[in-house]
Amino acid sequence: MKKETKNWTASNIPQRKDGLAVITGSTEGIGYEDALALSSAGWNVIVMGRNAEKGADAISKIQQINPKAKVSFEKIDLANLSSIKSFASRMIERGEAIDLLINNAGVMTPPNRLETADGFELQFGTNHIGHFALTAQLLLLLRKAQDARVVTVSSIANRDGQINFDDLQSTTSYVPGKAYSQAKIANLMFALELQRQSEKHGWGITSIAAHPGVSRTNLLINGAGKWSTPGIMRRFFPFLFQPQSQGALPTLFAATSPEAQGGLYYGPNKMSETRGFPSIAKIPEQANDKEVAQRLWDVSQKLAKVEFSISI
């Protein structure tokens, strides 16, 4: 894909008669838009989230728009390794190949340091470790598909992100934005390293990263809080944020376009990648450090208690 966009939209998604897509955090926001667009294009979509009521509501909305949509809900908590393992076990028992995994769910800047069920700082544990563990445990089913893709959603906040191996869990010092940036640079580095690992081991999986720019979702309100500075901006100045359907386009492009390439990063093409149509995004210099990426991969396997090689 050239740097200049062709104003790609969801209408450009190739139609399918089959194909299983698994999308984390898809009961609302960007993930919901992904589920809606993919199901409208003929994909069989699994909507994933912590709340079954929200899941049922999302499915109802999708089916109202497209009565023929093949969509179902699976409960998962990415802040709980046992929940991830339980979901993966159900999928493996089902035995169906997974053609597309979108690692979309996220937690953003809670004002106080919180922990996952396994004792990880909530943002790092959910956004990175949770998706790392999920991808590892679904690797067998991804390999079972032809030309499977894994799309991991990062953020423009990764530009300031650094992997602090001395304090990955922000126990010494917790700064909400700093911890979020670390989690999102980890998302990007995971996507890039997964592509390298796939090529090295012959997994046949294409790994791509994407980000939504600045979009009008509830992520800020759910994380930082509705009366935080970013929460107030989101609530009272919505015109500063592009619609979530627009923000979903880079992820959908990475997930479906024949032009999308493994090991690349896609985001909006205008105003420093805050809005616009899908195009190649700039990878921060620190995300290209292969030694750090390999160390993060190794550390993440230990923390998540998974081993990618066991799944192949």
Protein backbone atom coordinates (compact mmCIF):
# COMPACT_ATOMS: atom_id res chain seq x y z
CA MET A 1 0.00 0.00 0.00
CA LYS A 2 1.33 3.41 -0.92
CA LYS A 3 1.62 6.13 1.69
CA GLU A 4 -1.21 8.04 0.04
CA THR A 5 -4.59 6.65 0.96
CA LYS A 6 -7.26 5.67 -1.53
CA ASN A 7 -9.97 6.64 0.97
CA TRP A 8 -10.57 3.00 1.85
CA THR A 9 -13.84 2.38 3.72
CA ALA A 10 -15.75 -0.60 5.09
CA SER A 11 -17.49 -0.89 1.72
CA ASN A 12 -14.14 -2.08 0.34
CA ILE A 13 -14.05 -5.16 2.58
CA PRO A 14 -14.05 -8.24 0.32
CA GLN A 15 -17.24 -10.29 0.69
CA ARG A 16 -16.88 -13.83 2.06
CA LYS A 17 -19.10 -16.86 2.46
CA ASP A 18 -17.09 -18.21 5.37
CA GLY A 19 -14.24 -17.32 7.70
CA LEU A 20 -14.17 -17.07 11.48
CA ALA A 21 -13.20 -13.78 13.11
CA VAL A 22 -12.56 -13.49 16.86
CA ILE A 23 -12.56 -9.93 18.23
CA THR A 24 -11.71 -8.96 21.79
CA GLY A 25 -13.50 -6.02 23.39
CA SER A 26 -16.19 -6.00 20.72
CA THR A 27 -19.34 -5.28 22.73
CA GLU A 28 -18.81 -1.55 22.09
CA GLY A 29 -16.47 0.97 20.52
CA ILE A 30 -13.97 0.11 17.81
CA GLY A 31 -14.40 -3.62 18.38
CA TYR A 32 -18.16 -3.38 17.87
CA GLU A 33 -17.60 -1.52 14.59
CA ASP A 34 -15.20 -4.28 13.54
CA ALA A 35 -17.81 -6.94 14.34
CA LEU A 36 -20.55 -5.07 12.49
CA ALA A 37 -18.46 -4.51 9.37
CA LEU A 38 -17.05 -8.03 9.21
CA SER A 39 -20.41 -9.73 9.80
CA SER A 40 -21.92 -7.51 7.10
CA ALA A 41 -19.22 -8.81 4.75
CA GLY A 42 -20.15 -12.44 5.45
CA TRP A 43 -17.73 -13.33 8.22
CA ASN A 44 -18.76 -15.54 11.12
CA VAL A 45 -17.90 -13.27 14.06
CA ILE A 46 -17.36 -14.04 17.73
CA VAL A 47 -18.01 -10.96 19.84
CA MET A 48 -15.98 -11.10 23.05
CA GLY A 49 -16.25 -9.24 26.32
CA ARG A 50 -16.61 -9.47 30.09
CA ASN A 51 -20.30 -8.59 30.21
CA ALA A 52 -22.83 -11.03 28.75
CA GLU A 53 -25.60 -8.42 28.84
CA LYS A 54 -23.51 -6.01 26.76
CA GLY A 55 -22.67 -8.91 24.45
CA ALA A 56 -26.34 -9.72 23.88
CA ASP A 57 -27.07 -6.04 23.24
CA ALA A 58 -24.23 -5.79 20.69
CA ILE A 59 -25.44 -8.88 18.85
CA SER A 60 -29.00 -7.56 18.84
CA LYS A 61 -27.87 -4.26 17.32
CA ILE A 62 -25.82 -6.02 14.65
CA GLN A 63 -28.69 -8.34 13.72
CA GLN A 64 -31.11 -5.43 13.54
CA ILE A 65 -28.84 -3.85 10.96
CA ASN A 66 -28.08 -7.14 9.21
CA PRO A 67 -30.58 -9.93 10.02
CA LYS A 68 -28.38 -12.46 8.20
CA ALA A 69 -25.33 -11.70 10.35
CA LYS A 70 -23.55 -14.76 11.74
CA VAL A 71 -22.52 -13.46 15.13
CA SER A 72 -22.26 -14.97 18.61
CA PHE A 73 -20.92 -13.96 22.02
CA GLU A 74 -18.17 -15.48 24.16
CA LYS A 75 -17.34 -14.27 27.64
CA ILE A 76 -13.70 -13.53 28.42
CA ASP A 77 -11.82 -11.35 30.88
CA LEU A 78 -8.41 -10.37 29.51
CA ALA A 79 -7.39 -9.31 33.01
CA ASN A 80 -7.62 -12.92 34.14
CA LEU A 81 -5.34 -15.64 32.73
CA SER A 82 -7.73 -18.36 33.87
CA SER A 83 -10.57 -16.77 31.90
CA ILE A 84 -8.35 -16.59 28.81
CA LYS A 85 -7.36 -20.23 29.18
CA SER A 86 -11.00 -21.25 29.61
CA PHE A 87 -12.02 -19.42 26.44
CA ALA A 88 -9.12 -20.92 24.47
CA SER A 89 -10.02 -24.40 25.71
CA ARG A 90 -13.60 -23.95 24.50
CA MET A 91 -12.35 -22.84 21.10
CA ILE A 92 -9.91 -25.73 20.82
CA GLU A 93 -12.66 -28.19 21.76
CA ARG A 94 -14.80 -26.62 19.05
CA GLY A 95 -11.92 -27.27 16.67
CA GLU A 96 -12.77 -24.65 14.06
CA ALA A 97 -9.93 -22.80 12.34
CA ILE A 98 -9.63 -19.12 13.24
CA ASP A 99 -9.01 -17.00 10.16
CA LEU A 100 -8.78 -13.67 11.97
CA LEU A 101 -7.95 -12.62 15.50
CA ILE A 102 -8.31 -8.94 16.36
CA ASN A 103 -6.61 -8.03 19.64
CA ASN A 104 -8.65 -4.91 20.26
CA ALA A 105 -9.74 -4.72 23.92
CA GLY A 106 -8.09 -2.12 26.09
CA VAL A 107 -7.97 -0.29 29.40
CA MET A 108 -6.87 3.35 29.38
CA THR A 109 -5.37 5.48 32.15
CA PRO A 110 -7.25 4.57 35.34
CA PRO A 111 -6.26 7.32 37.80
CA ASN A 112 -5.09 4.88 40.46
CA ARG A 113 -2.91 1.81 40.02
CA LEU A 114 -5.08 -1.29 39.68
CA GLU A 115 -4.11 -4.92 39.22
CA THR A 116 -5.38 -7.85 37.19
CA ALA A 117 -6.46 -11.09 38.83
CA ASP A 118 -2.87 -12.30 38.40
CA GLY A 119 -1.22 -9.26 39.99
CA PHE A 120 -0.17 -7.37 36.85
CA GLU A 121 -0.64 -3.61 36.53
CA LEU A 122 -4.07 -3.40 34.89
CA GLN A 123 -3.09 -1.66 31.65
CA PHE A 124 0.00 -3.75 30.95
CA GLY A 125 -1.73 -6.92 32.11
CA THR A 126 -4.90 -6.44 30.06
CA ASN A 127 -3.70 -4.66 26.94
CA HIS A 128 -0.50 -6.63 26.43
CA ILE A 129 -0.22 -9.77 28.58
CA GLY A 130 -3.87 -10.71 28.10
CA HIS A 131 -3.62 -10.52 24.31
CA PHE A 132 -0.22 -12.20 24.30
CA ALA A 133 -1.63 -15.14 26.28
CA LEU A 134 -4.75 -15.34 24.10
CA THR A 135 -2.79 -15.35 20.84
CA ALA A 136 -0.43 -18.05 22.10
CA GLN A 137 -3.29 -20.30 23.16
CA LEU A 138 -5.15 -19.83 19.87
CA LEU A 139 -2.04 -20.40 17.75
CA LEU A 140 -3.03 -23.97 16.89
CA LEU A 141 -6.38 -22.82 15.47
CA LEU A 142 -4.79 -19.88 13.65
CA ARG A 143 -2.32 -22.26 12.03
CA LYS A 144 -5.22 -24.46 11.02
CA ALA A 145 -6.55 -21.69 8.76
CA GLN A 146 -5.19 -20.66 5.40
CA ASP A 147 -3.60 -17.21 5.49
CA ALA A 148 -4.73 -16.38 9.03
CA ARG A 149 -4.21 -12.84 10.26
CA VAL A 150 -3.66 -11.41 13.72
CA VAL A 151 -4.32 -7.68 14.04
CA THR A 152 -3.20 -6.05 17.27
CA VAL A 153 -4.53 -2.59 18.06
CA SER A 154 -2.06 -0.06 19.43
CA SER A 155 -2.41 3.71 19.91
CA ILE A 156 -0.72 6.96 18.99
CA ALA A 157 0.10 7.09 22.71
CA ASN A 158 2.85 4.57 21.95
CA ARG A 159 5.00 7.38 20.60
CA ASP A 160 6.14 8.12 24.14
CA GLY A 161 6.16 4.49 25.21
CA GLN A 162 9.18 2.74 26.66
CA ILE A 163 9.47 -0.81 27.96
CA ASN A 164 10.75 -0.47 31.53
CA PHE A 165 11.93 -3.98 32.37
CA ASP A 166 12.94 -2.77 35.85
CA ASP A 167 9.34 -1.80 36.64
CA LEU A 168 7.01 -3.42 34.08
CA GLN A 169 4.13 -3.43 36.55
CA SER A 170 4.57 0.21 37.63
CA THR A 171 4.97 -0.80 41.26
CA THR A 172 7.74 1.72 41.99
CA SER A 173 5.97 4.58 40.27
CA TYR A 174 2.53 4.65 38.66
CA VAL A 175 1.78 7.43 36.19
CA PRO A 176 -1.44 6.60 34.28
CA GLY A 177 -0.40 7.94 30.89
CA LYS A 178 3.11 6.52 31.12
CA ALA A 179 1.78 3.05 31.98
CA TYR A 180 -0.68 3.26 29.09
CA SER A 181 2.06 4.27 26.65
CA GLN A 182 4.17 1.32 27.79
CA ALA A 183 1.25 -1.07 27.26
CA LYS A 184 0.55 0.29 23.77
CA ILE A 185 4.18 0.21 22.63
CA ALA A 186 4.17 -3.37 23.91
CA ASN A 187 1.14 -4.07 21.69
CA LEU A 188 2.98 -2.74 18.65
CA MET A 189 6.22 -4.57 19.45
CA PHE A 190 4.29 -7.79 19.98
CA ALA A 191 2.65 -7.45 16.56
CA LEU A 192 6.02 -6.87 14.87
CA GLU A 193 7.73 -9.71 16.75
CA LEU A 194 4.85 -12.10 16.05
CA GLN A 195 5.39 -11.53 12.33
CA ARG A 196 9.10 -12.27 12.71
CA GLN A 197 8.38 -15.39 14.76
CA SER A 198 5.83 -16.57 12.20
CA GLU A 199 8.32 -16.17 9.38
CA LYS A 200 11.08 -17.86 11.41
CA HIS A 201 9.02 -20.90 12.39
CA GLY A 202 6.83 -21.18 9.30
CA TRP A 203 3.54 -20.61 11.12
CA GLY A 204 1.90 -19.08 8.05
CA ILE A 205 0.27 -16.32 10.13
CA THR A 206 0.32 -12.67 9.08
CA SER A 207 0.67 -10.25 12.00
CA ILE A 208 -0.25 -6.61 11.51
CA ALA A 209 -0.65 -3.64 13.85
CA ALA A 210 -3.16 -0.80 13.62
CA HIS A 211 -4.36 2.19 15.59
CA PRO A 212 -7.62 4.20 15.48
CA GLY A 213 -6.26 7.71 15.80
CA VAL A 214 -8.39 9.81 18.14
CA SER A 215 -11.89 8.38 18.05
CA ARG A 216 -15.18 8.95 19.85
CA THR A 217 -15.42 5.84 22.01
CA ASN A 218 -16.02 5.28 25.73
CA LEU A 219 -12.42 4.20 26.36
CA LEU A 220 -11.46 7.51 27.98
CA ILE A 221 -14.61 7.69 30.10
CA ASN A 222 -14.36 4.07 31.22
CA GLY A 223 -10.69 4.43 32.14
CA ALA A 224 -9.72 7.91 33.25
CA GLY A 225 -13.28 8.75 34.31
CA LYS A 226 -15.93 11.09 32.94
CA TRP A 227 -14.73 14.05 35.04
CA SER A 228 -11.04 13.65 34.18
CA THR A 229 -9.57 16.17 31.73
CA PRO A 230 -9.68 13.73 28.80
CA GLY A 231 -13.09 12.49 29.91
CA ILE A 232 -14.48 16.04 29.91
CA MET A 233 -12.97 16.64 26.46
CA ARG A 234 -14.63 13.47 25.19
CA ARG A 235 -18.04 14.33 26.72
CA PHE A 236 -18.32 18.04 25.93
CA PHE A 237 -16.13 18.45 22.83
CA PRO A 238 -17.07 15.39 20.75
CA PHE A 239 -16.28 17.21 17.50
CA LEU A 240 -12.58 16.85 18.35
CA PHE A 241 -12.90 13.08 17.97
CA GLN A 242 -13.66 11.22 14.75
CA PRO A 243 -16.59 8.74 14.77
CA GLN A 244 -15.73 5.29 16.04
CA SER A 245 -16.78 3.79 12.70
CA GLN A 246 -14.04 5.90 11.08
CA GLY A 247 -11.57 4.94 13.79
CA ALA A 248 -12.20 1.26 13.07
CA LEU A 249 -11.09 1.55 9.44
CA PRO A 250 -7.31 1.00 9.93
CA THR A 251 -8.04 -2.20 11.88
CA LEU A 252 -10.50 -3.39 9.24
CA PHE A 253 -8.04 -2.58 6.47
CA ALA A 254 -5.31 -4.55 8.24
CA ALA A 255 -7.75 -7.41 8.81
CA THR A 256 -9.19 -7.74 5.32
CA SER A 257 -7.41 -5.83 2.57
CA PRO A 258 -5.30 -7.82 0.10
CA GLU A 259 -2.92 -4.84 0.17
CA ALA A 260 -2.24 -5.04 3.92
CA GLN A 261 1.20 -6.49 4.66
CA GLY A 262 2.56 -8.41 7.61
CA GLY A 263 4.89 -6.48 9.87
CA LEU A 264 3.40 -3.11 8.97
CA TYR A 265 1.41 -0.64 11.02
CA TYR A 266 -1.72 1.16 9.80
CA GLY A 267 -3.53 4.24 11.08
CA PRO A 268 -5.44 7.32 9.88
CA ASN A 269 -3.70 9.47 7.28
CA LYS A 270 -4.47 13.02 8.41
CA MET A 271 -3.54 15.45 11.20
CA SER A 272 -0.60 13.49 12.60
CA GLU A 273 -2.55 10.24 12.25
CA THR A 274 -5.39 11.39 14.51
CA ARG A 275 -8.11 11.06 11.85
CA GLY A 276 -8.69 10.15 8.24
CA PHE A 277 -8.53 7.03 6.11
CA PRO A 278 -6.25 4.00 6.49
CA SER A 279 -2.63 4.42 5.47
CA ILE A 280 0.76 3.20 6.62
CA ALA A 281 1.49 4.60 10.07
CA LYS A 282 4.88 5.62 11.38
CA ILE A 283 6.49 3.11 13.71
CA PRO A 284 8.22 4.82 16.66
CA GLU A 285 11.97 4.24 16.63
CA GLN A 286 11.95 2.36 19.93
CA ALA A 287 9.39 -0.16 18.60
CA ASN A 288 11.91 -1.30 15.96
CA ASP A 289 14.45 -2.42 18.57
CA LYS A 290 14.53 -6.16 17.89
CA GLU A 291 16.57 -6.98 20.98
CA VAL A 292 14.04 -5.31 23.25
CA ALA A 293 11.20 -6.96 21.34
CA GLN A 294 12.76 -10.40 21.78
CA ARG A 295 13.31 -9.78 25.49
CA LEU A 296 9.71 -8.58 25.85
CA TRP A 297 8.56 -11.74 24.04
CA ASP A 298 10.54 -13.96 26.40
CA VAL A 299 9.44 -12.12 29.53
CA SER A 300 5.82 -12.13 28.36
CA GLN A 301 5.85 -15.89 27.87
CA LYS A 302 6.95 -16.31 31.48
CA LEU A 303 4.44 -13.82 32.86
CA ALA A 304 1.55 -15.21 30.80
CA LYS A 305 2.61 -18.81 31.50
CA VAL A 306 2.42 -19.72 27.83
CA GLU A 307 4.86 -21.06 25.29
CA PHE A 308 4.19 -20.37 21.62
CA SER A 309 6.26 -23.36 20.53
CA ILE A 310 4.07 -25.76 22.54
CA SER A 311 1.08 -24.78 20.44
CA ILE A 312 2.56 -25.71 17.07
